[in-house]
mmCIF file of all heavy atoms, coordinates in Angstrom:
data_MODEL
# 
_entry.id   MODEL 
# 
loop_
_atom_site.group_PDB 
_atom_site.id 
_atom_site.type_symbol 
_atom_site.label_atom_id 
_atom_site.label_alt_id 
_atom_site.label_comp_id 
_atom_site.label_asym_id 
_atom_site.label_entity_id 
_atom_site.label_seq_id 
_atom_site.pdbx_PDB_ins_code 
_atom_site.Cartn_x 
_atom_site.Cartn_y 
_atom_site.Cartn_z 
_atom_site.occupancy 
_atom_site.B_iso_or_equiv 
_atom_site.pdbx_formal_charge 
_atom_site.auth_seq_id 
_atom_site.auth_comp_id 
_atom_site.auth_asym_id 
_atom_site.auth_atom_id 
_atom_site.pdbx_PDB_model_num 
ATOM 1   N N   . ASN A 1 1  ? 9.648   10.362  -0.857  1.00 0.00 ? 1  ASN A N   1 
ATOM 2   C CA  . ASN A 1 1  ? 8.357   10.105  -1.507  1.00 0.00 ? 1  ASN A CA  1 
ATOM 3   C C   . ASN A 1 1  ? 8.107   8.606   -1.651  1.00 0.00 ? 1  ASN A C   1 
ATOM 4   O O   . ASN A 1 1  ? 6.977   8.148   -1.491  1.00 0.00 ? 1  ASN A O   1 
ATOM 5   C CB  . ASN A 1 1  ? 8.290   10.794  -2.865  1.00 0.00 ? 1  ASN A CB  1 
ATOM 6   C CG  . ASN A 1 1  ? 8.084   12.281  -2.743  1.00 0.00 ? 1  ASN A CG  1 
ATOM 7   O OD1 . ASN A 1 1  ? 7.488   12.757  -1.794  1.00 0.00 ? 1  ASN A OD1 1 
ATOM 8   N ND2 . ASN A 1 1  ? 8.587   13.039  -3.705  1.00 0.00 ? 1  ASN A ND2 1 
ATOM 9   N N   . SER A 1 2  ? 9.147   7.853   -1.948  1.00 0.00 ? 2  SER A N   1 
ATOM 10  C CA  . SER A 1 2  ? 9.009   6.395   -2.039  1.00 0.00 ? 2  SER A CA  1 
ATOM 11  C C   . SER A 1 2  ? 8.605   5.817   -0.694  1.00 0.00 ? 2  SER A C   1 
ATOM 12  O O   . SER A 1 2  ? 7.721   4.951   -0.611  1.00 0.00 ? 2  SER A O   1 
ATOM 13  C CB  . SER A 1 2  ? 10.322  5.757   -2.499  1.00 0.00 ? 2  SER A CB  1 
ATOM 14  O OG  . SER A 1 2  ? 10.644  6.156   -3.799  1.00 0.00 ? 2  SER A OG  1 
ATOM 15  N N   . LEU A 1 3  ? 9.260   6.277   0.364   1.00 0.00 ? 3  LEU A N   1 
ATOM 16  C CA  . LEU A 1 3  ? 8.910   5.792   1.699   1.00 0.00 ? 3  LEU A CA  1 
ATOM 17  C C   . LEU A 1 3  ? 7.488   6.181   2.075   1.00 0.00 ? 3  LEU A C   1 
ATOM 18  O O   . LEU A 1 3  ? 6.759   5.389   2.680   1.00 0.00 ? 3  LEU A O   1 
ATOM 19  C CB  . LEU A 1 3  ? 9.913   6.324   2.731   1.00 0.00 ? 3  LEU A CB  1 
ATOM 20  C CG  . LEU A 1 3  ? 11.321  5.743   2.627   1.00 0.00 ? 3  LEU A CG  1 
ATOM 21  C CD1 . LEU A 1 3  ? 12.262  6.470   3.582   1.00 0.00 ? 3  LEU A CD1 1 
ATOM 22  C CD2 . LEU A 1 3  ? 11.317  4.249   2.900   1.00 0.00 ? 3  LEU A CD2 1 
ATOM 23  N N   . ALA A 1 4  ? 7.081   7.398   1.723   1.00 0.00 ? 4  ALA A N   1 
ATOM 24  C CA  . ALA A 1 4  ? 5.708   7.819   1.998   1.00 0.00 ? 4  ALA A CA  1 
ATOM 25  C C   . ALA A 1 4  ? 4.711   6.925   1.254   1.00 0.00 ? 4  ALA A C   1 
ATOM 26  O O   . ALA A 1 4  ? 3.662   6.564   1.810   1.00 0.00 ? 4  ALA A O   1 
ATOM 27  C CB  . ALA A 1 4  ? 5.515   9.289   1.609   1.00 0.00 ? 4  ALA A CB  1 
ATOM 28  N N   . SER A 1 5  ? 5.043   6.552   0.033   1.00 0.00 ? 5  SER A N   1 
ATOM 29  C CA  . SER A 1 5  ? 4.157   5.673   -0.747  1.00 0.00 ? 5  SER A CA  1 
ATOM 30  C C   . SER A 1 5  ? 3.997   4.321   -0.069  1.00 0.00 ? 5  SER A C   1 
ATOM 31  O O   . SER A 1 5  ? 2.875   3.832   0.099   1.00 0.00 ? 5  SER A O   1 
ATOM 32  C CB  . SER A 1 5  ? 4.717   5.470   -2.158  1.00 0.00 ? 5  SER A CB  1 
ATOM 33  O OG  . SER A 1 5  ? 4.746   6.678   -2.855  1.00 0.00 ? 5  SER A OG  1 
ATOM 34  N N   . ILE A 1 6  ? 5.118   3.716   0.319   1.00 0.00 ? 6  ILE A N   1 
ATOM 35  C CA  . ILE A 1 6  ? 5.047   2.380   0.925   1.00 0.00 ? 6  ILE A CA  1 
ATOM 36  C C   . ILE A 1 6  ? 4.357   2.462   2.280   1.00 0.00 ? 6  ILE A C   1 
ATOM 37  O O   . ILE A 1 6  ? 3.552   1.594   2.625   1.00 0.00 ? 6  ILE A O   1 
ATOM 38  C CB  . ILE A 1 6  ? 6.431   1.703   1.001   1.00 0.00 ? 6  ILE A CB  1 
ATOM 39  C CG1 . ILE A 1 6  ? 6.296   0.203   1.277   1.00 0.00 ? 6  ILE A CG1 1 
ATOM 40  C CG2 . ILE A 1 6  ? 7.325   2.301   2.044   1.00 0.00 ? 6  ILE A CG2 1 
ATOM 41  C CD1 . ILE A 1 6  ? 5.942   -0.612  0.093   1.00 0.00 ? 6  ILE A CD1 1 
ATOM 42  N N   . ASN A 1 7  ? 4.628   3.519   3.054   1.00 0.00 ? 7  ASN A N   1 
ATOM 43  C CA  . ASN A 1 7  ? 3.975   3.661   4.359   1.00 0.00 ? 7  ASN A CA  1 
ATOM 44  C C   . ASN A 1 7  ? 2.476   3.864   4.206   1.00 0.00 ? 7  ASN A C   1 
ATOM 45  O O   . ASN A 1 7  ? 1.688   3.333   4.997   1.00 0.00 ? 7  ASN A O   1 
ATOM 46  C CB  . ASN A 1 7  ? 4.601   4.817   5.148   1.00 0.00 ? 7  ASN A CB  1 
ATOM 47  C CG  . ASN A 1 7  ? 5.999   4.493   5.618   1.00 0.00 ? 7  ASN A CG  1 
ATOM 48  O OD1 . ASN A 1 7  ? 6.363   3.330   5.799   1.00 0.00 ? 7  ASN A OD1 1 
ATOM 49  N ND2 . ASN A 1 7  ? 6.798   5.520   5.813   1.00 0.00 ? 7  ASN A ND2 1 
ATOM 50  N N   . THR A 1 8  ? 2.060   4.611   3.186   1.00 0.00 ? 8  THR A N   1 
ATOM 51  C CA  . THR A 1 8  ? 0.631   4.817   2.925   1.00 0.00 ? 8  THR A CA  1 
ATOM 52  C C   . THR A 1 8  ? -0.044  3.499   2.547   1.00 0.00 ? 8  THR A C   1 
ATOM 53  O O   . THR A 1 8  ? -1.124  3.173   3.049   1.00 0.00 ? 8  THR A O   1 
ATOM 54  C CB  . THR A 1 8  ? 0.425   5.870   1.821   1.00 0.00 ? 8  THR A CB  1 
ATOM 55  O OG1 . THR A 1 8  ? 1.017   7.103   2.247   1.00 0.00 ? 8  THR A OG1 1 
ATOM 56  C CG2 . THR A 1 8  ? -1.047  6.074   1.511   1.00 0.00 ? 8  THR A CG2 1 
ATOM 57  N N   . LEU A 1 9  ? 0.607   2.743   1.681   1.00 0.00 ? 9  LEU A N   1 
ATOM 58  C CA  . LEU A 1 9  ? 0.035   1.455   1.287   1.00 0.00 ? 9  LEU A CA  1 
ATOM 59  C C   . LEU A 1 9  ? -0.026  0.495   2.477   1.00 0.00 ? 9  LEU A C   1 
ATOM 60  O O   . LEU A 1 9  ? -1.019  -0.228  2.649   1.00 0.00 ? 9  LEU A O   1 
ATOM 61  C CB  . LEU A 1 9  ? 0.833   0.847   0.131   1.00 0.00 ? 9  LEU A CB  1 
ATOM 62  C CG  . LEU A 1 9  ? 0.682   1.598   -1.189  1.00 0.00 ? 9  LEU A CG  1 
ATOM 63  C CD1 . LEU A 1 9  ? 1.679   1.091   -2.214  1.00 0.00 ? 9  LEU A CD1 1 
ATOM 64  C CD2 . LEU A 1 9  ? -0.739  1.492   -1.728  1.00 0.00 ? 9  LEU A CD2 1 
ATOM 65  N N   . HIS A 1 10 ? 0.999   0.493   3.324   1.00 0.00 ? 10 HIS A N   1 
ATOM 66  C CA  . HIS A 1 10 ? 0.964   -0.350  4.526   1.00 0.00 ? 10 HIS A CA  1 
ATOM 67  C C   . HIS A 1 10 ? -0.191  0.064   5.435   1.00 0.00 ? 10 HIS A C   1 
ATOM 68  O O   . HIS A 1 10 ? -0.890  -0.795  5.988   1.00 0.00 ? 10 HIS A O   1 
ATOM 69  C CB  . HIS A 1 10 ? 2.287   -0.266  5.283   1.00 0.00 ? 10 HIS A CB  1 
ATOM 70  C CG  . HIS A 1 10 ? 3.380   -1.065  4.652   1.00 0.00 ? 10 HIS A CG  1 
ATOM 71  N ND1 . HIS A 1 10 ? 4.640   -1.085  5.151   1.00 0.00 ? 10 HIS A ND1 1 
ATOM 72  C CD2 . HIS A 1 10 ? 3.400   -1.869  3.566   1.00 0.00 ? 10 HIS A CD2 1 
ATOM 73  C CE1 . HIS A 1 10 ? 5.408   -1.867  4.405   1.00 0.00 ? 10 HIS A CE1 1 
ATOM 74  N NE2 . HIS A 1 10 ? 4.664   -2.346  3.430   1.00 0.00 ? 10 HIS A NE2 1 
ATOM 75  N N   . LEU A 1 11 ? -0.416  1.357   5.602   1.00 0.00 ? 11 LEU A N   1 
ATOM 76  C CA  . LEU A 1 11 ? -1.526  1.832   6.425   1.00 0.00 ? 11 LEU A CA  1 
ATOM 77  C C   . LEU A 1 11 ? -2.863  1.366   5.854   1.00 0.00 ? 11 LEU A C   1 
ATOM 78  O O   . LEU A 1 11 ? -3.737  0.891   6.593   1.00 0.00 ? 11 LEU A O   1 
ATOM 79  C CB  . LEU A 1 11 ? -1.492  3.359   6.521   1.00 0.00 ? 11 LEU A CB  1 
ATOM 80  C CG  . LEU A 1 11 ? -2.635  4.007   7.306   1.00 0.00 ? 11 LEU A CG  1 
ATOM 81  C CD1 . LEU A 1 11 ? -2.587  3.597   8.776   1.00 0.00 ? 11 LEU A CD1 1 
ATOM 82  C CD2 . LEU A 1 11 ? -2.571  5.520   7.166   1.00 0.00 ? 11 LEU A CD2 1 
ATOM 83  N N   . LEU A 1 12 ? -3.034  1.482   4.551   1.00 0.00 ? 12 LEU A N   1 
ATOM 84  C CA  . LEU A 1 12 ? -4.273  1.031   3.917   1.00 0.00 ? 12 LEU A CA  1 
ATOM 85  C C   . LEU A 1 12 ? -4.473  -0.470  4.095   1.00 0.00 ? 12 LEU A C   1 
ATOM 86  O O   . LEU A 1 12 ? -5.603  -0.928  4.329   1.00 0.00 ? 12 LEU A O   1 
ATOM 87  C CB  . LEU A 1 12 ? -4.278  1.406   2.430   1.00 0.00 ? 12 LEU A CB  1 
ATOM 88  C CG  . LEU A 1 12 ? -4.361  2.901   2.129   1.00 0.00 ? 12 LEU A CG  1 
ATOM 89  C CD1 . LEU A 1 12 ? -4.141  3.146   0.635   1.00 0.00 ? 12 LEU A CD1 1 
ATOM 90  C CD2 . LEU A 1 12 ? -5.686  3.477   2.590   1.00 0.00 ? 12 LEU A CD2 1 
ATOM 91  N N   . MET A 1 13 ? -3.376  -1.231  3.999   1.00 0.00 ? 13 MET A N   1 
ATOM 92  C CA  . MET A 1 13 ? -3.482  -2.677  4.223   1.00 0.00 ? 13 MET A CA  1 
ATOM 93  C C   . MET A 1 13 ? -3.819  -2.969  5.681   1.00 0.00 ? 13 MET A C   1 
ATOM 94  O O   . MET A 1 13 ? -4.640  -3.847  5.969   1.00 0.00 ? 13 MET A O   1 
ATOM 95  C CB  . MET A 1 13 ? -2.188  -3.385  3.802   1.00 0.00 ? 13 MET A CB  1 
ATOM 96  C CG  . MET A 1 13 ? -2.003  -3.448  2.296   1.00 0.00 ? 13 MET A CG  1 
ATOM 97  S SD  . MET A 1 13 ? -0.578  -4.444  1.798   1.00 0.00 ? 13 MET A SD  1 
ATOM 98  C CE  . MET A 1 13 ? 0.776   -3.301  2.124   1.00 0.00 ? 13 MET A CE  1 
ATOM 99  N N   . ASP A 1 14 ? -3.182  -2.248  6.623   1.00 0.00 ? 14 ASP A N   1 
ATOM 100 C CA  . ASP A 1 14 ? -3.483  -2.436  8.045   1.00 0.00 ? 14 ASP A CA  1 
ATOM 101 C C   . ASP A 1 14 ? -4.955  -2.203  8.348   1.00 0.00 ? 14 ASP A C   1 
ATOM 102 O O   . ASP A 1 14 ? -5.534  -2.883  9.191   1.00 0.00 ? 14 ASP A O   1 
ATOM 103 C CB  . ASP A 1 14 ? -2.642  -1.478  8.912   1.00 0.00 ? 14 ASP A CB  1 
ATOM 104 C CG  . ASP A 1 14 ? -1.179  -1.873  9.011   1.00 0.00 ? 14 ASP A CG  1 
ATOM 105 O OD1 . ASP A 1 14 ? -0.836  -3.027  8.661   1.00 0.00 ? 14 ASP A OD1 1 
ATOM 106 O OD2 . ASP A 1 14 ? -0.368  -1.015  9.425   1.00 0.00 ? 14 ASP A OD2 1 
ATOM 107 N N   . LYS A 1 15 ? -5.557  -1.248  7.671   1.00 0.00 ? 15 LYS A N   1 
ATOM 108 C CA  . LYS A 1 15 ? -6.970  -0.925  7.890   1.00 0.00 ? 15 LYS A CA  1 
ATOM 109 C C   . LYS A 1 15 ? -7.904  -1.833  7.087   1.00 0.00 ? 15 LYS A C   1 
ATOM 110 O O   . LYS A 1 15 ? -9.120  -1.710  7.178   1.00 0.00 ? 15 LYS A O   1 
ATOM 111 C CB  . LYS A 1 15 ? -7.222  0.537   7.554   1.00 0.00 ? 15 LYS A CB  1 
ATOM 112 C CG  . LYS A 1 15 ? -6.540  1.490   8.525   1.00 0.00 ? 15 LYS A CG  1 
ATOM 113 C CD  . LYS A 1 15 ? -6.899  2.922   8.215   1.00 0.00 ? 15 LYS A CD  1 
ATOM 114 C CE  . LYS A 1 15 ? -6.307  3.850   9.248   1.00 0.00 ? 15 LYS A CE  1 
ATOM 115 N NZ  . LYS A 1 15 ? -7.011  3.816   10.519  1.00 0.00 ? 15 LYS A NZ  1 
ATOM 116 N N   . GLY A 1 16 ? -7.334  -2.731  6.284   1.00 0.00 ? 16 GLY A N   1 
ATOM 117 C CA  . GLY A 1 16 ? -8.149  -3.643  5.494   1.00 0.00 ? 16 GLY A CA  1 
ATOM 118 C C   . GLY A 1 16 ? -8.806  -2.991  4.294   1.00 0.00 ? 16 GLY A C   1 
ATOM 119 O O   . GLY A 1 16 ? -9.765  -3.526  3.735   1.00 0.00 ? 16 GLY A O   1 
ATOM 120 N N   . LEU A 1 17 ? -8.289  -1.843  3.872   1.00 0.00 ? 17 LEU A N   1 
ATOM 121 C CA  . LEU A 1 17 ? -8.901  -1.111  2.759   1.00 0.00 ? 17 LEU A CA  1 
ATOM 122 C C   . LEU A 1 17 ? -8.323  -1.490  1.402   1.00 0.00 ? 17 LEU A C   1 
ATOM 123 O O   . LEU A 1 17 ? -8.896  -1.136  0.366   1.00 0.00 ? 17 LEU A O   1 
ATOM 124 C CB  . LEU A 1 17 ? -8.731  0.397   2.985   1.00 0.00 ? 17 LEU A CB  1 
ATOM 125 C CG  . LEU A 1 17 ? -9.395  0.927   4.253   1.00 0.00 ? 17 LEU A CG  1 
ATOM 126 C CD1 . LEU A 1 17 ? -9.018  2.386   4.481   1.00 0.00 ? 17 LEU A CD1 1 
ATOM 127 C CD2 . LEU A 1 17 ? -10.908 0.754   4.162   1.00 0.00 ? 17 LEU A CD2 1 
ATOM 128 N N   . ILE A 1 18 ? -7.204  -2.179  1.412   1.00 0.00 ? 18 ILE A N   1 
ATOM 129 C CA  . ILE A 1 18 ? -6.559  -2.591  0.164   1.00 0.00 ? 18 ILE A CA  1 
ATOM 130 C C   . ILE A 1 18 ? -5.836  -3.911  0.427   1.00 0.00 ? 18 ILE A C   1 
ATOM 131 O O   . ILE A 1 18 ? -5.335  -4.144  1.527   1.00 0.00 ? 18 ILE A O   1 
ATOM 132 C CB  . ILE A 1 18 ? -5.588  -1.487  -0.343  1.00 0.00 ? 18 ILE A CB  1 
ATOM 133 C CG1 . ILE A 1 18 ? -5.087  -1.779  -1.753  1.00 0.00 ? 18 ILE A CG1 1 
ATOM 134 C CG2 . ILE A 1 18 ? -4.452  -1.255  0.625   1.00 0.00 ? 18 ILE A CG2 1 
ATOM 135 C CD1 . ILE A 1 18 ? -4.311  -0.619  -2.380  1.00 0.00 ? 18 ILE A CD1 1 
ATOM 136 N N   . SER A 1 19 ? -5.834  -4.775  -0.555  1.00 0.00 ? 19 SER A N   1 
ATOM 137 C CA  . SER A 1 19 ? -5.149  -6.056  -0.411  1.00 0.00 ? 19 SER A CA  1 
ATOM 138 C C   . SER A 1 19 ? -3.661  -5.908  -0.725  1.00 0.00 ? 19 SER A C   1 
ATOM 139 O O   . SER A 1 19 ? -3.236  -4.911  -1.323  1.00 0.00 ? 19 SER A O   1 
ATOM 140 C CB  . SER A 1 19 ? -5.763  -7.092  -1.366  1.00 0.00 ? 19 SER A CB  1 
ATOM 141 O OG  . SER A 1 19 ? -5.446  -6.760  -2.710  1.00 0.00 ? 19 SER A OG  1 
ATOM 142 N N   . ARG A 1 20 ? -2.884  -6.890  -0.333  1.00 0.00 ? 20 ARG A N   1 
ATOM 143 C CA  . ARG A 1 20 ? -1.451  -6.882  -0.677  1.00 0.00 ? 20 ARG A CA  1 
ATOM 144 C C   . ARG A 1 20 ? -1.265  -6.851  -2.184  1.00 0.00 ? 20 ARG A C   1 
ATOM 145 O O   . ARG A 1 20 ? -0.392  -6.161  -2.693  1.00 0.00 ? 20 ARG A O   1 
ATOM 146 C CB  . ARG A 1 20 ? -0.754  -8.104  -0.077  1.00 0.00 ? 20 ARG A CB  1 
ATOM 147 C CG  . ARG A 1 20 ? -0.643  -8.055  1.421   1.00 0.00 ? 20 ARG A CG  1 
ATOM 148 C CD  . ARG A 1 20 ? 0.104   -9.226  1.963   1.00 0.00 ? 20 ARG A CD  1 
ATOM 149 N NE  . ARG A 1 20 ? -0.574  -10.461 1.595   1.00 0.00 ? 20 ARG A NE  1 
ATOM 150 C CZ  . ARG A 1 20 ? -0.415  -11.607 2.209   1.00 0.00 ? 20 ARG A CZ  1 
ATOM 151 N NH1 . ARG A 1 20 ? 0.401   -11.705 3.235   1.00 0.00 ? 20 ARG A NH1 1 
ATOM 152 N NH2 . ARG A 1 20 ? -1.063  -12.683 1.830   1.00 0.00 ? 20 ARG A NH2 1 
ATOM 153 N N   . GLU A 1 21 ? -2.086  -7.598  -2.890  1.00 0.00 ? 21 GLU A N   1 
ATOM 154 C CA  . GLU A 1 21 ? -1.967  -7.668  -4.344  1.00 0.00 ? 21 GLU A CA  1 
ATOM 155 C C   . GLU A 1 21 ? -2.282  -6.317  -4.994  1.00 0.00 ? 21 GLU A C   1 
ATOM 156 O O   . GLU A 1 21 ? -1.608  -5.907  -5.941  1.00 0.00 ? 21 GLU A O   1 
ATOM 157 C CB  . GLU A 1 21 ? -2.883  -8.760  -4.908  1.00 0.00 ? 21 GLU A CB  1 
ATOM 158 C CG  . GLU A 1 21 ? -2.469  -10.161 -4.519  1.00 0.00 ? 21 GLU A CG  1 
ATOM 159 C CD  . GLU A 1 21 ? -2.847  -10.575 -3.095  1.00 0.00 ? 21 GLU A CD  1 
ATOM 160 O OE1 . GLU A 1 21 ? -3.645  -9.857  -2.436  1.00 0.00 ? 21 GLU A OE1 1 
ATOM 161 O OE2 . GLU A 1 21 ? -2.330  -11.602 -2.637  1.00 0.00 ? 21 GLU A OE2 1 
ATOM 162 N N   . ASP A 1 22 ? -3.316  -5.644  -4.497  1.00 0.00 ? 22 ASP A N   1 
ATOM 163 C CA  . ASP A 1 22 ? -3.658  -4.327  -5.037  1.00 0.00 ? 22 ASP A CA  1 
ATOM 164 C C   . ASP A 1 22 ? -2.551  -3.312  -4.747  1.00 0.00 ? 22 ASP A C   1 
ATOM 165 O O   . ASP A 1 22 ? -2.204  -2.485  -5.597  1.00 0.00 ? 22 ASP A O   1 
ATOM 166 C CB  . ASP A 1 22 ? -4.985  -3.822  -4.484  1.00 0.00 ? 22 ASP A CB  1 
ATOM 167 C CG  . ASP A 1 22 ? -6.183  -4.545  -5.082  1.00 0.00 ? 22 ASP A CG  1 
ATOM 168 O OD1 . ASP A 1 22 ? -6.038  -5.191  -6.148  1.00 0.00 ? 22 ASP A OD1 1 
ATOM 169 O OD2 . ASP A 1 22 ? -7.275  -4.465  -4.482  1.00 0.00 ? 22 ASP A OD2 1 
ATOM 170 N N   . ALA A 1 23 ? -2.009  -3.360  -3.538  1.00 0.00 ? 23 ALA A N   1 
ATOM 171 C CA  . ALA A 1 23 ? -0.920  -2.450  -3.175  1.00 0.00 ? 23 ALA A CA  1 
ATOM 172 C C   . ALA A 1 23 ? 0.296   -2.700  -4.069  1.00 0.00 ? 23 ALA A C   1 
ATOM 173 O O   . ALA A 1 23 ? 0.902   -1.755  -4.591  1.00 0.00 ? 23 ALA A O   1 
ATOM 174 C CB  . ALA A 1 23 ? -0.546  -2.627  -1.702  1.00 0.00 ? 23 ALA A CB  1 
ATOM 175 N N   . ALA A 1 24 ? 0.631   -3.952  -4.266  1.00 0.00 ? 24 ALA A N   1 
ATOM 176 C CA  . ALA A 1 24 ? 1.761   -4.295  -5.138  1.00 0.00 ? 24 ALA A CA  1 
ATOM 177 C C   . ALA A 1 24 ? 1.475   -3.841  -6.566  1.00 0.00 ? 24 ALA A C   1 
ATOM 178 O O   . ALA A 1 24 ? 2.380   -3.374  -7.267  1.00 0.00 ? 24 ALA A O   1 
ATOM 179 C CB  . ALA A 1 24 ? 2.029   -5.792  -5.095  1.00 0.00 ? 24 ALA A CB  1 
ATOM 180 N N   . GLY A 1 25 ? 0.227   -3.946  -6.988  1.00 0.00 ? 25 GLY A N   1 
ATOM 181 C CA  . GLY A 1 25 ? -0.150  -3.520  -8.334  1.00 0.00 ? 25 GLY A CA  1 
ATOM 182 C C   . GLY A 1 25 ? 0.070   -2.030  -8.563  1.00 0.00 ? 25 GLY A C   1 
ATOM 183 O O   . GLY A 1 25 ? 0.481   -1.610  -9.642  1.00 0.00 ? 25 GLY A O   1 
ATOM 184 N N   . VAL A 1 26 ? -0.199  -1.218  -7.535  1.00 0.00 ? 26 VAL A N   1 
ATOM 185 C CA  . VAL A 1 26 ? 0.036   0.225   -7.637  1.00 0.00 ? 26 VAL A CA  1 
ATOM 186 C C   . VAL A 1 26 ? 1.517   0.488   -7.907  1.00 0.00 ? 26 VAL A C   1 
ATOM 187 O O   . VAL A 1 26 ? 1.888   1.289   -8.777  1.00 0.00 ? 26 VAL A O   1 
ATOM 188 C CB  . VAL A 1 26 ? -0.410  0.941   -6.340  1.00 0.00 ? 26 VAL A CB  1 
ATOM 189 C CG1 . VAL A 1 26 ? 0.084   2.372   -6.298  1.00 0.00 ? 26 VAL A CG1 1 
ATOM 190 C CG2 . VAL A 1 26 ? -1.919  0.883   -6.190  1.00 0.00 ? 26 VAL A CG2 1 
ATOM 191 N N   . LEU A 1 27 ? 2.378   -0.191  -7.158  1.00 0.00 ? 27 LEU A N   1 
ATOM 192 C CA  . LEU A 1 27 ? 3.818   0.028   -7.297  1.00 0.00 ? 27 LEU A CA  1 
ATOM 193 C C   . LEU A 1 27 ? 4.362   -0.564  -8.589  1.00 0.00 ? 27 LEU A C   1 
ATOM 194 O O   . LEU A 1 27 ? 5.261   0.014   -9.215  1.00 0.00 ? 27 LEU A O   1 
ATOM 195 C CB  . LEU A 1 27 ? 4.537   -0.544  -6.075  1.00 0.00 ? 27 LEU A CB  1 
ATOM 196 C CG  . LEU A 1 27 ? 4.163   0.180   -4.775  1.00 0.00 ? 27 LEU A CG  1 
ATOM 197 C CD1 . LEU A 1 27 ? 4.651   -0.600  -3.573  1.00 0.00 ? 27 LEU A CD1 1 
ATOM 198 C CD2 . LEU A 1 27 ? 4.691   1.597   -4.763  1.00 0.00 ? 27 LEU A CD2 1 
ATOM 199 N N   . THR A 1 28 ? 3.803   -1.688  -9.022  1.00 0.00 ? 28 THR A N   1 
ATOM 200 C CA  . THR A 1 28 ? 4.229   -2.282  -10.292 1.00 0.00 ? 28 THR A CA  1 
ATOM 201 C C   . THR A 1 28 ? 3.841   -1.377  -11.457 1.00 0.00 ? 28 THR A C   1 
ATOM 202 O O   . THR A 1 28 ? 4.623   -1.182  -12.392 1.00 0.00 ? 28 THR A O   1 
ATOM 203 C CB  . THR A 1 28 ? 3.610   -3.687  -10.463 1.00 0.00 ? 28 THR A CB  1 
ATOM 204 O OG1 . THR A 1 28 ? 4.054   -4.515  -9.379  1.00 0.00 ? 28 THR A OG1 1 
ATOM 205 C CG2 . THR A 1 28 ? 4.011   -4.310  -11.779 1.00 0.00 ? 28 THR A CG2 1 
# 
């Protein structure tokens, strides 16, 4: 599940739908 979370966030960042900071904020 952790890997799925990080892979999902990476996909969203790749598509430009979420920033690195927002993705990090979800995990924090």
